[in-house]
C-alpha atoms as a PDB file:
ATOM      1  CA  UNK A   1      51.547  71.252 118.796  1.00  0.00           C
ATOM      2  CA  UNK A   2      54.480  72.569 120.852  1.00  0.00           C
ATOM      3  CA  UNK A   3      57.062  70.766 118.708  1.00  0.00           C
ATOM      4  CA  UNK A   4      55.436  71.860 115.446  1.00  0.00           C
ATOM      5  CA  UNK A   5      55.243  75.461 116.659  1.00  0.00           C
ATOM      6  CA  UNK A   6      58.824  75.442 117.937  1.00  0.00           C
ATOM      7  CA  UNK A   7      60.117  74.353 114.518  1.00  0.00           C
ATOM      8  CA  UNK A   8      57.940  77.116 113.033  1.00  0.00           C
ATOM      9  CA  UNK A   9      59.545  79.787 115.237  1.00  0.00           C
ATOM     10  CA  UNK A  10      63.063  78.627 114.310  1.00  0.00           C
ATOM     11  CA  UNK A  11      62.271  77.764 110.692  1.00  0.00           C
ATOM     12  CA  UNK A  12      64.477  80.502 109.207  1.00  0.00           C
ATOM     13  CA  UNK A  13      67.475  79.210 111.194  1.00  0.00           C
ATOM     14  CA  UNK A  14      66.846  75.684 109.913  1.00  0.00           C
ATOM     15  CA  UNK A  15      66.654  77.055 106.365  1.00  0.00           C
ATOM     16  CA  UNK A  16      69.956  78.942 106.770  1.00  0.00           C
ATOM     17  CA  UNK A  17      71.576  75.642 107.755  1.00  0.00           C
ATOM     18  CA  UNK A  18      70.067  73.877 104.734  1.00  0.00           C
ATOM     19  CA  UNK A  19      67.650  71.760 106.780  1.00  0.00           C
ATOM     20  CA  UNK A  20      64.351  70.628 105.260  1.00  0.00           C
ATOM     21  CA  UNK A  21      61.761  70.462 108.035  1.00  0.00           C
ATOM     22  CA  UNK A  22      58.870  68.023 107.578  1.00  0.00           C
ATOM     23  CA  UNK A  23      56.144  66.886 109.912  1.00  0.00           C
ATOM     24  CA  UNK A  24      54.814  63.365 109.393  1.00  0.00           C
ATOM     25  CA  UNK A  25      51.844  61.810 111.155  1.00  0.00           C
ATOM     26  CA  UNK A  26      49.769  58.633 111.046  1.00  0.00           C
ATOM     27  CA  UNK A  27      46.656  60.664 110.255  1.00  0.00           C
ATOM     28  CA  UNK A  28      44.729  60.870 106.987  1.00  0.00           C
ATOM     29  CA  UNK A  29      45.763  63.759 104.731  1.00  0.00           C
ATOM     30  CA  UNK A  30      42.269  65.302 104.837  1.00  0.00           C
ATOM     31  CA  UNK A  31      42.806  65.986 108.559  1.00  0.00           C
ATOM     32  CA  UNK A  32      46.463  67.019 108.208  1.00  0.00           C
ATOM     33  CA  UNK A  33      45.854  69.842 105.741  1.00  0.00           C
ATOM     34  CA  UNK A  34      43.395  71.883 107.845  1.00  0.00           C
ATOM     35  CA  UNK A  35      45.450  71.186 110.980  1.00  0.00           C
ATOM     36  CA  UNK A  36      48.667  72.469 109.333  1.00  0.00           C
ATOM     37  CA  UNK A  37      46.780  75.446 107.905  1.00  0.00           C
ATOM     38  CA  UNK A  38      45.394  76.319 111.342  1.00  0.00           C
ATOM     39  CA  UNK A  39      48.956  76.461 112.722  1.00  0.00           C
ATOM     40  CA  UNK A  40      50.267  78.448 109.721  1.00  0.00           C
ATOM     41  CA  UNK A  41      53.242  76.109 109.400  1.00  0.00           C
ATOM     42  CA  UNK A  42      55.920  77.223 106.914  1.00  0.00           C
ATOM     43  CA  UNK A  43      56.842  73.579 106.267  1.00  0.00           C
ATOM     44  CA  UNK A  44      54.828  70.566 105.070  1.00  0.00           C
ATOM     45  CA  UNK A  45      52.860  68.369 107.441  1.00  0.00           C
ATOM     46  CA  UNK A  46      52.611  65.025 105.669  1.00  0.00           C
ATOM     47  CA  UNK A  47      50.368  62.006 106.059  1.00  0.00           C
ATOM     48  CA  UNK A  48      51.826  58.504 106.293  1.00  0.00           C
ATOM     49  CA  UNK A  49      48.354  56.975 106.415  1.00  0.00           C
ATOM     50  CA  UNK A  50      47.398  54.172 105.933  1.00  0.00           C
ATOM     51  CA  UNK A  51      50.661  52.307 105.153  1.00  0.00           C
ATOM     52  CA  UNK A  52      52.759  53.925 107.941  1.00  0.00           C
ATOM     53  CA  UNK A  53      55.937  53.012 106.034  1.00  0.00           C
ATOM     54  CA  UNK A  54      57.918  56.136 106.976  1.00  0.00           C
ATOM     55  CA  UNK A  55      56.758  55.970 110.577  1.00  0.00           C
ATOM     56  CA  UNK A  56      57.696  52.293 110.854  1.00  0.00           C
ATOM     57  CA  UNK A  57      61.135  52.966 109.382  1.00  0.00           C
ATOM     58  CA  UNK A  58      62.105  56.047 111.379  1.00  0.00           C
ATOM     59  CA  UNK A  59      59.983  56.357 114.503  1.00  0.00           C
ATOM     60  CA  UNK A  60      57.963  53.275 115.180  1.00  0.00           C
ATOM     61  CA  UNK A  61      54.342  53.307 116.197  1.00  0.00           C
ATOM     62  CA  UNK A  62      52.303  52.679 119.294  1.00  0.00           C
ATOM     63  CA  UNK A  63      48.630  52.409 120.211  1.00  0.00           C
ATOM     64  CA  UNK A  64      46.820  55.713 119.785  1.00  0.00           C
ATOM     65  CA  UNK A  65      46.273  57.390 123.192  1.00  0.00           C
ATOM     66  CA  UNK A  66      42.552  57.934 122.503  1.00  0.00           C
ATOM     67  CA  UNK A  67      41.893  54.655 120.692  1.00  0.00           C
ATOM     68  CA  UNK A  68      44.057  51.620 121.599  1.00  0.00           C
ATOM     69  CA  UNK A  69      42.727  49.734 118.549  1.00  0.00           C
ATOM     70  CA  UNK A  70      44.372  52.292 116.239  1.00  0.00           C
ATOM     71  CA  UNK A  71      48.090  52.899 115.730  1.00  0.00           C
ATOM     72  CA  UNK A  72      49.801  56.273 116.100  1.00  0.00           C
ATOM     73  CA  UNK A  73      53.338  57.497 115.480  1.00  0.00           C
ATOM     74  CA  UNK A  74      55.737  57.769 118.397  1.00  0.00           C
ATOM     75  CA  UNK A  75      56.655  61.411 118.960  1.00  0.00           C
ATOM     76  CA  UNK A  76      60.109  61.509 117.371  1.00  0.00           C
ATOM     77  CA  UNK A  77      62.545  63.958 115.809  1.00  0.00           C
ATOM     78  CA  UNK A  78      64.961  62.511 113.268  1.00  0.00           C
ATOM     79  CA  UNK A  79      67.931  64.166 111.551  1.00  0.00           C
ATOM     80  CA  UNK A  80      68.757  62.502 108.246  1.00  0.00           C
ATOM     81  CA  UNK A  81      71.787  63.639 106.240  1.00  0.00           C
ATOM     82  CA  UNK A  82      71.904  64.228 102.490  1.00  0.00           C
ATOM     83  CA  UNK A  83      72.884  60.580 101.929  1.00  0.00           C
ATOM     84  CA  UNK A  84      69.755  59.373 103.768  1.00  0.00           C
ATOM     85  CA  UNK A  85      71.651  58.242 106.867  1.00  0.00           C
ATOM     86  CA  UNK A  86      69.955  58.825 110.230  1.00  0.00           C
ATOM     87  CA  UNK A  87      72.438  60.878 112.245  1.00  0.00           C
ATOM     88  CA  UNK A  88      70.385  61.623 115.357  1.00  0.00           C
ATOM     89  CA  UNK A  89      67.010  60.792 116.929  1.00  0.00           C
ATOM     90  CA  UNK A  90      64.962  61.925 119.885  1.00  0.00           C
ATOM     91  CA  UNK A  91      61.977  59.920 121.120  1.00  0.00           C
ATOM     92  CA  UNK A  92      59.383  61.580 123.336  1.00  0.00           C
ATOM     93  CA  UNK A  93      59.437  59.089 126.180  1.00  0.00           C
ATOM     94  CA  UNK A  94      60.171  61.586 128.947  1.00  0.00           C
ATOM     95  CA  UNK A  95      58.646  64.727 127.469  1.00  0.00           C
ATOM     96  CA  UNK A  96      56.333  65.657 124.651  1.00  0.00           C
ATOM     97  CA  UNK A  97      58.385  68.766 123.866  1.00  0.00           C
ATOM     98  CA  UNK A  98      61.887  69.055 122.485  1.00  0.00           C
ATOM     99  CA  UNK A  99      63.331  72.570 122.068  1.00  0.00           C
ATOM    100  CA  UNK A 100      65.027  73.610 118.830  1.00  0.00           C
ATOM    101  CA  UNK A 101      68.391  74.537 120.393  1.00  0.00           C
ATOM    102  CA  UNK A 102      69.713  70.944 120.756  1.00  0.00           C
ATOM    103  CA  UNK A 103      68.485  70.086 117.269  1.00  0.00           C
ATOM    104  CA  UNK A 104      70.209  73.131 115.790  1.00  0.00           C
ATOM    105  CA  UNK A 105      73.395  72.222 117.675  1.00  0.00           C
ATOM    106  CA  UNK A 106      73.320  68.701 116.177  1.00  0.00           C
ATOM    107  CA  UNK A 107      72.719  70.127 112.695  1.00  0.00           C
ATOM    108  CA  UNK A 108      75.652  72.493 113.124  1.00  0.00           C
ATOM    109  CA  UNK A 109      77.840  69.576 114.202  1.00  0.00           C
ATOM    110  CA  UNK A 110      76.665  67.524 111.199  1.00  0.00           C
ATOM    111  CA  UNK A 111      77.257  70.301 108.695  1.00  0.00           C
ATOM    112  CA  UNK A 112      80.233  71.930 110.458  1.00  0.00           C
ATOM    113  CA  UNK A 113      78.517  75.307 110.123  1.00  0.00           C
ATOM    114  CA  UNK A 114      79.017  77.735 113.015  1.00  0.00           C
END
């Protein structure tokens, strides 16, 4: 929730830089919609269930912390440029939270916007 909320707080800055923010999870869409609504997210929270194609391509998956027989997405932030090339990734191995400042700095470097 911290990462989703942090992107929410800085959403206008991401928009000014031309960044489309999306959240993607390995959960069914019927659970994603009320969860996103409860957080009042200004960006979409998408479901990659059941195929997990996006998650497999960009983040990878791991056993779900509450149910080892079920797969879950690794906590990851990915910056993809307009040509679809991954330019930067962060994986939540050491922390579950990643502040917006380093992401915004990478976006500014990618787009050469001050």
